[in-house]
Amino acid sequence: MHYDLCLPWYWEHDIDFVHFVEQACNENGLTFWQITPDNLFESLSALYKGEKTFGTLLDRSQGEDRFLPINNWAREYNKRRINPPELSAWSEDKATMHLELMTAGLHTPHTILLAPFLEQPVPPPLDLTPLGNQFVIKPSHGGGSEGVILGASSLDQILRARMEFPAQKYLVQATVAPRTIQGRPAWFRVFYAVGKTYPCWWHPLTHVFATVTQADEHKYELAQLHGITRQIASICRLDWFTTEIALTHDNFIVVDYVNDQIDTRIKSKAVDGAPDEIIQRIASQLVTIAKKNQ
């Protein structure tokens, strides 16, 4: 049995996204294979015995080692992999992306890059003056604000923070103060999927989303969010990801560069979920990859 699209997943909150993908496959006449912890062993056996195959892999197992043989098989047989892990690992390195985005001419926070603690336990003297009174300390990998320190103000905090993830590079960044528009911060999370961009208002403290409408784009001059995100896509080369962009009084600043471990919870089920229609559109866009690869 050959399937057009294979989707391994285990996180219970992915269920709506999976349903959207399945719906899009049905609408496009594509066969769809879900692999979950409940059928993982049987699926791997069938895959490696040649009883089942697939053409395109949309992997939502998000680093769960027990699912790795699926990706290994897809790589060995040169199947189309959406966001291949090796590309994701490169693009999610914040230190690498900082340099790539700066080279491309995009605005980023003023940043000091530090080598991993294990490579350089005592860094050279640091001039923190350009960072202002308060700044942000973050490891080069990871999502969900893990290891991120907001409102830092001393060299001692930087030196101690590097020991939390001693094998990782660290970024020390100036705090970005967004403009206020109609009582809310001009802070945005933009979804990208296969050439399409979906900008959202996103509160950096509550993480609550709201769709940026065409009227918003025109009234508040937000159309640049699309171009900036597409420029990031051309750099990271991922099929889908999100990026955070803030609008200050001077410029659009890319604040959090590339995140491909996307939280697909929807707003109708979670207060801080993404708008339902955007997650549904993303699912449809991803299915177009399998359609072309059919």
C-alpha atoms as a PDB file:
ATOM      1  CA  MET A   1       0.000   0.000   0.000  1.00  0.00           C
ATOM      2  CA  HIS A   2       1.423   3.402  -1.003  1.00  0.00           C
ATOM      3  CA  TYR A   3       0.330   6.635   0.704  1.00  0.00           C
ATOM      4  CA  ASP A   4       0.733  10.125  -0.702  1.00  0.00           C
ATOM      5  CA  LEU A   5       1.269  11.733   2.703  1.00  0.00           C
ATOM      6  CA  CYS A   6       2.499  10.256   5.985  1.00  0.00           C
ATOM      7  CA  LEU A   7       1.992  12.193   9.232  1.00  0.00           C
ATOM      8  CA  PRO A   8       3.576  10.821  12.437  1.00  0.00           C
ATOM      9  CA  TRP A   9       2.288  12.575  15.569  1.00  0.00           C
ATOM     10  CA  TYR A  10       1.770  12.034  19.270  1.00  0.00           C
ATOM     11  CA  TRP A  11       0.884  15.386  20.929  1.00  0.00           C
ATOM     12  CA  GLU A  12      -2.813  15.342  21.808  1.00  0.00           C
ATOM     13  CA  HIS A  13      -3.214  19.042  20.938  1.00  0.00           C
ATOM     14  CA  ASP A  14      -2.195  18.353  17.324  1.00  0.00           C
ATOM     15  CA  ILE A  15      -5.476  16.560  16.728  1.00  0.00           C
ATOM     16  CA  ASP A  16      -7.243  19.503  15.056  1.00  0.00           C
ATOM     17  CA  PHE A  17      -4.269  20.142  12.787  1.00  0.00           C
ATOM     18  CA  VAL A  18      -4.211  16.460  11.848  1.00  0.00           C
ATOM     19  CA  HIS A  19      -7.921  16.618  11.013  1.00  0.00           C
ATOM     20  CA  PHE A  20      -7.306  19.673   8.809  1.00  0.00           C
ATOM     21  CA  VAL A  21      -4.520  17.813   6.985  1.00  0.00           C
ATOM     22  CA  GLU A  22      -6.749  14.765   6.526  1.00  0.00           C
ATOM     23  CA  GLN A  23      -9.565  16.952   5.197  1.00  0.00           C
ATOM     24  CA  ALA A  24      -7.220  18.626   2.705  1.00  0.00           C
ATOM     25  CA  CYS A  25      -5.931  15.235   1.559  1.00  0.00           C
ATOM     26  CA  ASN A  26      -9.490  14.040   0.973  1.00  0.00           C
ATOM     27  CA  GLU A  27     -10.309  17.183  -0.997  1.00  0.00           C
ATOM     28  CA  ASN A  28      -7.255  16.613  -3.207  1.00  0.00           C
ATOM     29  CA  GLY A  29      -7.788  12.894  -3.670  1.00  0.00           C
ATOM     30  CA  LEU A  30      -4.643  11.988  -1.712  1.00  0.00           C
ATOM     31  CA  THR A  31      -4.135   8.959   0.503  1.00  0.00           C
ATOM     32  CA  PHE A  32      -3.216   9.750   4.100  1.00  0.00           C
ATOM     33  CA  TRP A  33      -1.332   7.642   6.666  1.00  0.00           C
ATOM     34  CA  GLN A  34      -1.314   8.638  10.337  1.00  0.00           C
ATOM     35  CA  ILE A  35       1.318   7.086  12.589  1.00  0.00           C
ATOM     36  CA  THR A  36       0.759   7.475  16.334  1.00  0.00           C
ATOM     37  CA  PRO A  37       2.189   5.741  19.410  1.00  0.00           C
ATOM     38  CA  ASP A  38      -0.745   3.300  19.173  1.00  0.00           C
ATOM     39  CA  ASN A  39       0.282   1.960  15.764  1.00  0.00           C
ATOM     40  CA  LEU A  40       3.975   2.902  15.697  1.00  0.00           C
ATOM     41  CA  PHE A  41       5.449  -0.610  15.986  1.00  0.00           C
ATOM     42  CA  GLU A  42       3.124  -2.088  13.362  1.00  0.00           C
ATOM     43  CA  SER A  43       3.720   0.878  11.052  1.00  0.00           C
ATOM     44  CA  LEU A  44       7.504   0.643  11.297  1.00  0.00           C
ATOM     45  CA  SER A  45       7.358  -3.084  10.613  1.00  0.00           C
ATOM     46  CA  ALA A  46       5.205  -2.551   7.529  1.00  0.00           C
ATOM     47  CA  LEU A  47       7.414   0.310   6.316  1.00  0.00           C
ATOM     48  CA  TYR A  48      10.694  -1.544   6.628  1.00  0.00           C
ATOM     49  CA  LYS A  49       9.256  -4.755   5.140  1.00  0.00           C
ATOM     50  CA  GLY A  50       8.056  -2.798   2.127  1.00  0.00           C
ATOM     51  CA  GLU A  51       4.387  -3.538   2.826  1.00  0.00           C
ATOM     52  CA  LYS A  52       3.620   0.180   3.113  1.00  0.00           C
ATOM     53  CA  THR A  53       5.367   3.216   1.628  1.00  0.00           C
ATOM     54  CA  PHE A  54       4.750   6.936   1.295  1.00  0.00           C
ATOM     55  CA  GLY A  55       5.775   9.765  -1.003  1.00  0.00           C
ATOM     56  CA  THR A  56       5.831  12.786   1.346  1.00  0.00           C
ATOM     57  CA  LEU A  57       6.553  13.014   5.077  1.00  0.00           C
ATOM     58  CA  LEU A  58       5.020  15.659   7.364  1.00  0.00           C
ATOM     59  CA  ASP A  59       6.657  14.799  10.671  1.00  0.00           C
ATOM     60  CA  ARG A  60       5.020  16.090  13.864  1.00  0.00           C
ATOM     61  CA  SER A  61       6.846  13.700  16.199  1.00  0.00           C
ATOM     62  CA  GLN A  62       9.033  16.683  17.218  1.00  0.00           C
ATOM     63  CA  GLY A  63      12.195  14.924  18.287  1.00  0.00           C
ATOM     64  CA  GLU A  64      10.674  11.798  19.835  1.00  0.00           C
ATOM     65  CA  ASP A  65      13.430   9.263  19.211  1.00  0.00           C
ATOM     66  CA  ARG A  66      11.064   6.312  18.796  1.00  0.00           C
ATOM     67  CA  PHE A  67       9.704   7.932  15.610  1.00  0.00           C
ATOM     68  CA  LEU A  68      13.150   8.563  14.084  1.00  0.00           C
ATOM     69  CA  PRO A  69      13.193   5.403  11.923  1.00  0.00           C
ATOM     70  CA  ILE A  70      10.375   6.924   9.843  1.00  0.00           C
ATOM     71  CA  ASN A  71      12.493   9.938   8.932  1.00  0.00           C
ATOM     72  CA  ASN A  72      15.545   7.720   8.423  1.00  0.00           C
ATOM     73  CA  TRP A  73      13.590   5.598   5.953  1.00  0.00           C
ATOM     74  CA  ALA A  74      12.334   8.674   4.107  1.00  0.00           C
ATOM     75  CA  ARG A  75      15.854  10.060   3.841  1.00  0.00           C
ATOM     76  CA  GLU A  76      17.312   6.739   2.657  1.00  0.00           C
ATOM     77  CA  TYR A  77      14.690   6.383  -0.084  1.00  0.00           C
ATOM     78  CA  ASN A  78      14.858  10.060  -1.080  1.00  0.00           C
ATOM     79  CA  LYS A  79      11.242  10.847  -0.179  1.00  0.00           C
ATOM     80  CA  ARG A  80      10.018  14.425   0.080  1.00  0.00           C
ATOM     81  CA  ARG A  81      10.409  15.516   3.700  1.00  0.00           C
ATOM     82  CA  ILE A  82       8.648  18.684   4.840  1.00  0.00           C
ATOM     83  CA  ASN A  83      11.098  20.619   7.067  1.00  0.00           C
ATOM     84  CA  PRO A  84      13.899  17.996   7.101  1.00  0.00           C
ATOM     85  CA  PRO A  85      15.434  17.721  10.611  1.00  0.00           C
ATOM     86  CA  GLU A  86      18.925  18.662   9.475  1.00  0.00           C
ATOM     87  CA  LEU A  87      17.613  21.892   7.910  1.00  0.00           C
ATOM     88  CA  SER A  88      15.493  22.618  10.967  1.00  0.00           C
ATOM     89  CA  ALA A  89      18.502  22.225  13.273  1.00  0.00           C
ATOM     90  CA  TRP A  90      20.470  24.752  11.219  1.00  0.00           C
ATOM     91  CA  SER A  91      17.677  27.297  10.939  1.00  0.00           C
ATOM     92  CA  GLU A  92      16.693  27.113  14.601  1.00  0.00           C
ATOM     93  CA  ASP A  93      20.185  28.107  15.725  1.00  0.00           C
ATOM     94  CA  LYS A  94      19.451  31.689  16.774  1.00  0.00           C
ATOM     95  CA  ALA A  95      23.109  32.719  16.593  1.00  0.00           C
ATOM     96  CA  THR A  96      23.419  31.459  13.018  1.00  0.00           C
ATOM     97  CA  MET A  97      20.133  33.047  11.947  1.00  0.00           C
ATOM     98  CA  HIS A  98      21.085  36.347  13.570  1.00  0.00           C
ATOM     99  CA  LEU A  99      24.136  36.588  11.334  1.00  0.00           C
ATOM    100  CA  GLU A 100      22.208  35.390   8.253  1.00  0.00           C
ATOM    101  CA  LEU A 101      19.429  37.950   8.759  1.00  0.00           C
ATOM    102  CA  MET A 102      21.872  40.773   9.401  1.00  0.00           C
ATOM    103  CA  THR A 103      23.764  39.882   6.219  1.00  0.00           C
ATOM    104  CA  ALA A 104      20.458  40.000   4.324  1.00  0.00           C
ATOM    105  CA  GLY A 105      19.842  43.522   5.589  1.00  0.00           C
ATOM    106  CA  LEU A 106      16.976  42.732   7.974  1.00  0.00           C
ATOM    107  CA  HIS A 107      16.682  44.663  11.222  1.00  0.00           C
ATOM    108  CA  THR A 108      17.415  42.649  14.378  1.00  0.00           C
ATOM    109  CA  PRO A 109      17.958  43.679  18.021  1.00  0.00           C
ATOM    110  CA  HIS A 110      21.462  44.837  18.931  1.00  0.00           C
ATOM    111  CA  THR A 111      23.092  41.565  19.926  1.00  0.00           C
ATOM    112  CA  ILE A 112      26.248  40.236  21.565  1.00  0.00           C
ATOM    113  CA  LEU A 113      27.033  36.628  20.592  1.00  0.00           C
ATOM    114  CA  LEU A 114      28.843  34.482  23.142  1.00  0.00           C
ATOM    115  CA  ALA A 115      30.605  31.169  22.631  1.00  0.00           C
ATOM    116  CA  PRO A 116      29.346  28.143  24.619  1.00  0.00           C
ATOM    117  CA  PHE A 117      30.427  28.073  28.263  1.00  0.00           C
ATOM    118  CA  LEU A 118      32.216  24.761  27.669  1.00  0.00           C
ATOM    119  CA  GLU A 119      34.349  26.337  24.948  1.00  0.00           C
ATOM    120  CA  GLN A 120      34.984  29.634  26.709  1.00  0.00           C
ATOM    121  CA  PRO A 121      34.119  29.569  30.436  1.00  0.00           C
ATOM    122  CA  VAL A 122      35.317  33.161  30.882  1.00  0.00           C
ATOM    123  CA  PRO A 123      34.371  35.444  27.974  1.00  0.00           C
ATOM    124  CA  PRO A 124      36.413  38.493  26.973  1.00  0.00           C
ATOM    125  CA  PRO A 125      35.402  41.864  28.463  1.00  0.00           C
ATOM    126  CA  LEU A 126      31.911  42.858  27.297  1.00  0.00           C
ATOM    127  CA  ASP A 127      30.655  46.359  26.571  1.00  0.00           C
ATOM    128  CA  LEU A 128      27.001  46.216  27.617  1.00  0.00           C
ATOM    129  CA  THR A 129      26.367  49.933  27.074  1.00  0.00           C
ATOM    130  CA  PRO A 130      24.662  49.580  23.644  1.00  0.00           C
ATOM    131  CA  LEU A 131      22.141  47.144  25.189  1.00  0.00           C
ATOM    132  CA  GLY A 132      20.622  49.763  27.494  1.00  0.00           C
ATOM    133  CA  ASN A 133      19.589  49.341  31.111  1.00  0.00           C
ATOM    134  CA  GLN A 134      17.801  46.035  30.553  1.00  0.00           C
ATOM    135  CA  PHE A 135      18.384  43.282  28.034  1.00  0.00           C
ATOM    136  CA  VAL A 136      17.458  39.728  27.118  1.00  0.00           C
ATOM    137  CA  ILE A 137      19.651  36.627  27.566  1.00  0.00           C
ATOM    138  CA  LYS A 138      18.785  33.549  25.507  1.00  0.00           C
ATOM    139  CA  PRO A 139      20.428  30.261  24.484  1.00  0.00           C
ATOM    140  CA  SER A 140      20.883  29.703  20.760  1.00  0.00           C
ATOM    141  CA  HIS A 141      18.540  26.692  20.647  1.00  0.00           C
ATOM    142  CA  GLY A 142      15.196  25.807  22.125  1.00  0.00           C
ATOM    143  CA  GLY A 143      11.694  27.185  22.047  1.00  0.00           C
ATOM    144  CA  GLY A 144       8.902  28.075  24.409  1.00  0.00           C
ATOM    145  CA  SER A 145      11.115  30.656  26.143  1.00  0.00           C
ATOM    146  CA  GLU A 146      13.183  27.891  27.743  1.00  0.00           C
ATOM    147  CA  GLY A 147      16.311  29.406  29.250  1.00  0.00           C
ATOM    148  CA  VAL A 148      15.315  32.955  28.228  1.00  0.00           C
ATOM    149  CA  ILE A 149      15.889  35.693  30.817  1.00  0.00           C
ATOM    150  CA  LEU A 150      13.963  38.937  30.311  1.00  0.00           C
ATOM    151  CA  GLY A 151      14.851  42.194  32.013  1.00  0.00           C
ATOM    152  CA  ALA A 152      18.447  41.237  32.779  1.00  0.00           C
ATOM    153  CA  SER A 153      20.705  44.079  33.821  1.00  0.00           C
ATOM    154  CA  SER A 154      24.110  42.777  34.931  1.00  0.00           C
ATOM    155  CA  LEU A 155      27.187  40.980  33.648  1.00  0.00           C
ATOM    156  CA  ASP A 156      26.851  38.481  36.493  1.00  0.00           C
ATOM    157  CA  GLN A 157      23.458  37.386  35.149  1.00  0.00           C
ATOM    158  CA  ILE A 158      25.004  36.754  31.743  1.00  0.00           C
ATOM    159  CA  LEU A 159      27.879  34.711  33.146  1.00  0.00           C
ATOM    160  CA  ARG A 160      25.589  32.565  35.277  1.00  0.00           C
ATOM    161  CA  ALA A 161      22.962  32.097  32.535  1.00  0.00           C
ATOM    162  CA  ARG A 162      25.543  30.518  30.209  1.00  0.00           C
ATOM    163  CA  MET A 163      25.943  27.639  32.656  1.00  0.00           C
ATOM    164  CA  GLU A 164      22.307  26.521  32.277  1.00  0.00           C
ATOM    165  CA  PHE A 165      22.934  25.201  28.762  1.00  0.00           C
ATOM    166  CA  PRO A 166      26.750  25.061  28.764  1.00  0.00           C
ATOM    167  CA  ALA A 167      27.078  23.485  25.304  1.00  0.00           C
ATOM    168  CA  GLN A 168      25.056  26.216  23.587  1.00  0.00           C
ATOM    169  CA  LYS A 169      26.011  29.615  22.230  1.00  0.00           C
ATOM    170  CA  TYR A 170      24.213  32.521  23.889  1.00  0.00           C
ATOM    171  CA  LEU A 171      22.725  35.757  22.617  1.00  0.00           C
ATOM    172  CA  VAL A 172      22.516  38.891  24.731  1.00  0.00           C
ATOM    173  CA  GLN A 173      20.060  41.260  23.059  1.00  0.00           C
ATOM    174  CA  ALA A 174      18.723  44.740  23.580  1.00  0.00           C
ATOM    175  CA  THR A 175      15.100  44.801  24.716  1.00  0.00           C
ATOM    176  CA  VAL A 176      12.787  45.792  21.870  1.00  0.00           C
ATOM    177  CA  ALA A 177      10.087  48.314  22.772  1.00  0.00           C
ATOM    178  CA  PRO A 178       7.219  48.005  20.282  1.00  0.00           C
ATOM    179  CA  ARG A 179       4.974  50.828  19.202  1.00  0.00           C
ATOM    180  CA  THR A 180       1.461  50.792  20.676  1.00  0.00           C
ATOM    181  CA  ILE A 181      -1.383  50.600  18.155  1.00  0.00           C
ATOM    182  CA  GLN A 182      -4.968  50.967  19.359  1.00  0.00           C
ATOM    183  CA  GLY A 183      -3.955  50.000  22.882  1.00  0.00           C
ATOM    184  CA  ARG A 184      -1.995  46.863  21.985  1.00  0.00           C
ATOM    185  CA  PRO A 185       1.713  46.276  21.339  1.00  0.00           C
ATOM    186  CA  ALA A 186       2.739  46.189  17.680  1.00  0.00           C
ATOM    187  CA  TRP A 187       4.178  42.721  18.092  1.00  0.00           C
ATOM    188  CA  PHE A 188       3.424  40.077  15.500  1.00  0.00           C
ATOM    189  CA  ARG A 189       3.829  36.380  14.968  1.00  0.00           C
ATOM    190  CA  VAL A 190       3.760  35.549  11.286  1.00  0.00           C
ATOM    191  CA  PHE A 191       3.067  32.050  10.004  1.00  0.00           C
ATOM    192  CA  TYR A 192       4.728  30.950   6.760  1.00  0.00           C
ATOM    193  CA  ALA A 193       3.663  27.916   4.739  1.00  0.00           C
ATOM    194  CA  VAL A 194       4.804  27.088   1.204  1.00  0.00           C
ATOM    195  CA  GLY A 195       4.990  30.648  -0.072  1.00  0.00           C
ATOM    196  CA  LYS A 196       1.980  31.990   1.854  1.00  0.00           C
ATOM    197  CA  THR A 197       2.255  34.315   4.848  1.00  0.00           C
ATOM    198  CA  TYR A 198      -0.301  34.749   7.630  1.00  0.00           C
ATOM    199  CA  PRO A 199       0.477  37.632  10.015  1.00  0.00           C
ATOM    200  CA  CYS A 200      -1.118  37.782  13.460  1.00  0.00           C
ATOM    201  CA  TRP A 201      -1.135  40.281  16.274  1.00  0.00           C
ATOM    202  CA  TRP A 202       0.559  38.431  19.129  1.00  0.00           C
ATOM    203  CA  HIS A 203       0.911  39.755  22.650  1.00  0.00           C
ATOM    204  CA  PRO A 204       4.408  38.927  23.962  1.00  0.00           C
ATOM    205  CA  LEU A 205       3.139  38.499  27.536  1.00  0.00           C
ATOM    206  CA  THR A 206      -0.267  36.820  27.151  1.00  0.00           C
ATOM    207  CA  HIS A 207       0.566  35.077  23.829  1.00  0.00           C
ATOM    208  CA  VAL A 208      -2.952  35.779  22.613  1.00  0.00           C
ATOM    209  CA  PHE A 209      -3.394  35.885  18.818  1.00  0.00           C
ATOM    210  CA  ALA A 210      -5.597  37.968  16.542  1.00  0.00           C
ATOM    211  CA  THR A 211      -5.540  37.918  12.758  1.00  0.00           C
ATOM    212  CA  VAL A 212      -4.001  40.930  11.028  1.00  0.00           C
ATOM    213  CA  THR A 213      -6.722  41.909   8.571  1.00  0.00           C
ATOM    214  CA  GLN A 214      -6.234  43.610   5.230  1.00  0.00           C
ATOM    215  CA  ALA A 215      -7.814  46.687   6.781  1.00  0.00           C
ATOM    216  CA  ASP A 216      -5.171  46.558   9.556  1.00  0.00           C
ATOM    217  CA  GLU A 217      -2.401  46.273   6.980  1.00  0.00           C
ATOM    218  CA  HIS A 218      -3.658  49.319   5.100  1.00  0.00           C
ATOM    219  CA  LYS A 219      -4.513  51.471   8.118  1.00  0.00           C
ATOM    220  CA  TYR A 220      -1.331  50.784  10.104  1.00  0.00           C
ATOM    221  CA  GLU A 221       1.062  50.159   7.178  1.00  0.00           C
ATOM    222  CA  LEU A 222       1.810  46.544   8.095  1.00  0.00           C
ATOM    223  CA  ALA A 223       2.207  45.069   4.606  1.00  0.00           C
ATOM    224  CA  GLN A 224       5.971  44.739   5.127  1.00  0.00           C
ATOM    225  CA  LEU A 225       5.296  41.785   7.439  1.00  0.00           C
ATOM    226  CA  HIS A 226       4.731  39.637   4.337  1.00  0.00           C
ATOM    227  CA  GLY A 227       7.924  40.644   2.574  1.00  0.00           C
ATOM    228  CA  ILE A 228      10.102  40.309   5.659  1.00  0.00           C
ATOM    229  CA  THR A 229       8.745  36.828   6.345  1.00  0.00           C
ATOM    230  CA  ARG A 230       9.288  35.711   2.743  1.00  0.00           C
ATOM    231  CA  GLN A 231      12.841  37.020   2.951  1.00  0.00           C
ATOM    232  CA  ILE A 232      13.401  34.917   6.079  1.00  0.00           C
ATOM    233  CA  ALA A 233      11.911  31.930   4.229  1.00  0.00           C
ATOM    234  CA  SER A 234      14.405  32.368   1.403  1.00  0.00           C
ATOM    235  CA  ILE A 235      17.200  32.242   3.991  1.00  0.00           C
ATOM    236  CA  CYS A 236      16.054  29.336   6.175  1.00  0.00           C
ATOM    237  CA  ARG A 237      14.527  27.329   3.261  1.00  0.00           C
ATOM    238  CA  LEU A 238      11.893  25.713   5.478  1.00  0.00           C
ATOM    239  CA  ASP A 239       8.456  24.767   4.159  1.00  0.00           C
ATOM    240  CA  TRP A 240       6.687  26.184   7.212  1.00  0.00           C
ATOM    241  CA  PHE A 241       7.667  28.135  10.301  1.00  0.00           C
ATOM    242  CA  THR A 242       6.760  31.164  12.396  1.00  0.00           C
ATOM    243  CA  THR A 243       8.719  34.316  13.092  1.00  0.00           C
ATOM    244  CA  GLU A 244       8.231  37.174  15.564  1.00  0.00           C
ATOM    245  CA  ILE A 245       8.421  40.744  14.291  1.00  0.00           C
ATOM    246  CA  ALA A 246       7.967  43.928  16.317  1.00  0.00           C
ATOM    247  CA  LEU A 247       7.212  47.382  14.949  1.00  0.00           C
ATOM    248  CA  THR A 248       9.049  50.101  16.855  1.00  0.00           C
ATOM    249  CA  HIS A 249       8.761  53.825  16.173  1.00  0.00           C
ATOM    250  CA  ASP A 250      11.566  53.436  13.624  1.00  0.00           C
ATOM    251  CA  ASN A 251      11.548  49.988  12.015  1.00  0.00           C
ATOM    252  CA  PHE A 252      10.205  46.475  11.806  1.00  0.00           C
ATOM    253  CA  ILE A 253      12.552  44.395  13.988  1.00  0.00           C
ATOM    254  CA  VAL A 254      12.786  40.602  13.651  1.00  0.00           C
ATOM    255  CA  VAL A 255      12.789  39.543  17.285  1.00  0.00           C
ATOM    256  CA  ASP A 256      12.593  35.747  17.289  1.00  0.00           C
ATOM    257  CA  TYR A 257      13.925  34.491  14.015  1.00  0.00           C
ATOM    258  CA  VAL A 258      12.714  31.018  13.029  1.00  0.00           C
ATOM    259  CA  ASN A 259      10.536  28.542  14.898  1.00  0.00           C
ATOM    260  CA  ASP A 260       9.508  25.348  13.165  1.00  0.00           C
ATOM    261  CA  GLN A 261       8.209  23.507  16.248  1.00  0.00           C
ATOM    262  CA  ILE A 262       4.913  25.234  15.649  1.00  0.00           C
ATOM    263  CA  ASP A 263       2.197  25.131  18.279  1.00  0.00           C
ATOM    264  CA  THR A 264      -0.861  24.110  16.240  1.00  0.00           C
ATOM    265  CA  ARG A 265      -3.460  24.554  18.990  1.00  0.00           C
ATOM    266  CA  ILE A 266      -6.429  26.496  17.668  1.00  0.00           C
ATOM    267  CA  LYS A 267      -8.129  29.521  19.204  1.00  0.00           C
ATOM    268  CA  SER A 268     -11.523  27.816  19.509  1.00  0.00           C
ATOM    269  CA  LYS A 269      -9.931  25.269  21.869  1.00  0.00           C
ATOM    270  CA  ALA A 270      -7.250  27.325  23.674  1.00  0.00           C
ATOM    271  CA  VAL A 271      -7.101  30.972  24.723  1.00  0.00           C
ATOM    272  CA  ASP A 272      -3.570  31.322  23.347  1.00  0.00           C
ATOM    273  CA  GLY A 273      -4.172  29.173  20.282  1.00  0.00           C
ATOM    274  CA  ALA A 274      -3.705  30.418  16.726  1.00  0.00           C
ATOM    275  CA  PRO A 275      -6.773  31.461  14.710  1.00  0.00           C
ATOM    276  CA  ASP A 276      -8.512  28.299  13.460  1.00  0.00           C
ATOM    277  CA  GLU A 277      -8.679  29.452   9.858  1.00  0.00           C
ATOM    278  CA  ILE A 278      -4.917  30.071   9.723  1.00  0.00           C
ATOM    279  CA  ILE A 279      -4.039  26.595  10.981  1.00  0.00           C
ATOM    280  CA  GLN A 280      -6.499  25.169   8.462  1.00  0.00           C
ATOM    281  CA  ARG A 281      -4.940  27.179   5.619  1.00  0.00           C
ATOM    282  CA  ILE A 282      -1.466  26.056   6.662  1.00  0.00           C
ATOM    283  CA  ALA A 283      -2.595  22.423   6.589  1.00  0.00           C
ATOM    284  CA  SER A 284      -3.969  22.927   3.083  1.00  0.00           C
ATOM    285  CA  GLN A 285      -0.761  24.583   1.930  1.00  0.00           C
ATOM    286  CA  LEU A 286       1.373  21.712   3.237  1.00  0.00           C
ATOM    287  CA  VAL A 287      -0.816  19.195   1.457  1.00  0.00           C
ATOM    288  CA  THR A 288      -0.030  20.954  -1.825  1.00  0.00           C
ATOM    289  CA  ILE A 289       3.527  19.631  -1.417  1.00  0.00           C
ATOM    290  CA  ALA A 290       2.230  16.059  -1.376  1.00  0.00           C
ATOM    291  CA  LYS A 291      -0.051  16.856  -4.308  1.00  0.00           C
ATOM    292  CA  LYS A 292       2.859  18.072  -6.437  1.00  0.00           C
ATOM    293  CA  ASN A 293       4.904  15.074  -5.338  1.00  0.00           C
ATOM    294  CA  GLN A 294       2.136  12.594  -6.119  1.00  0.00           C
END
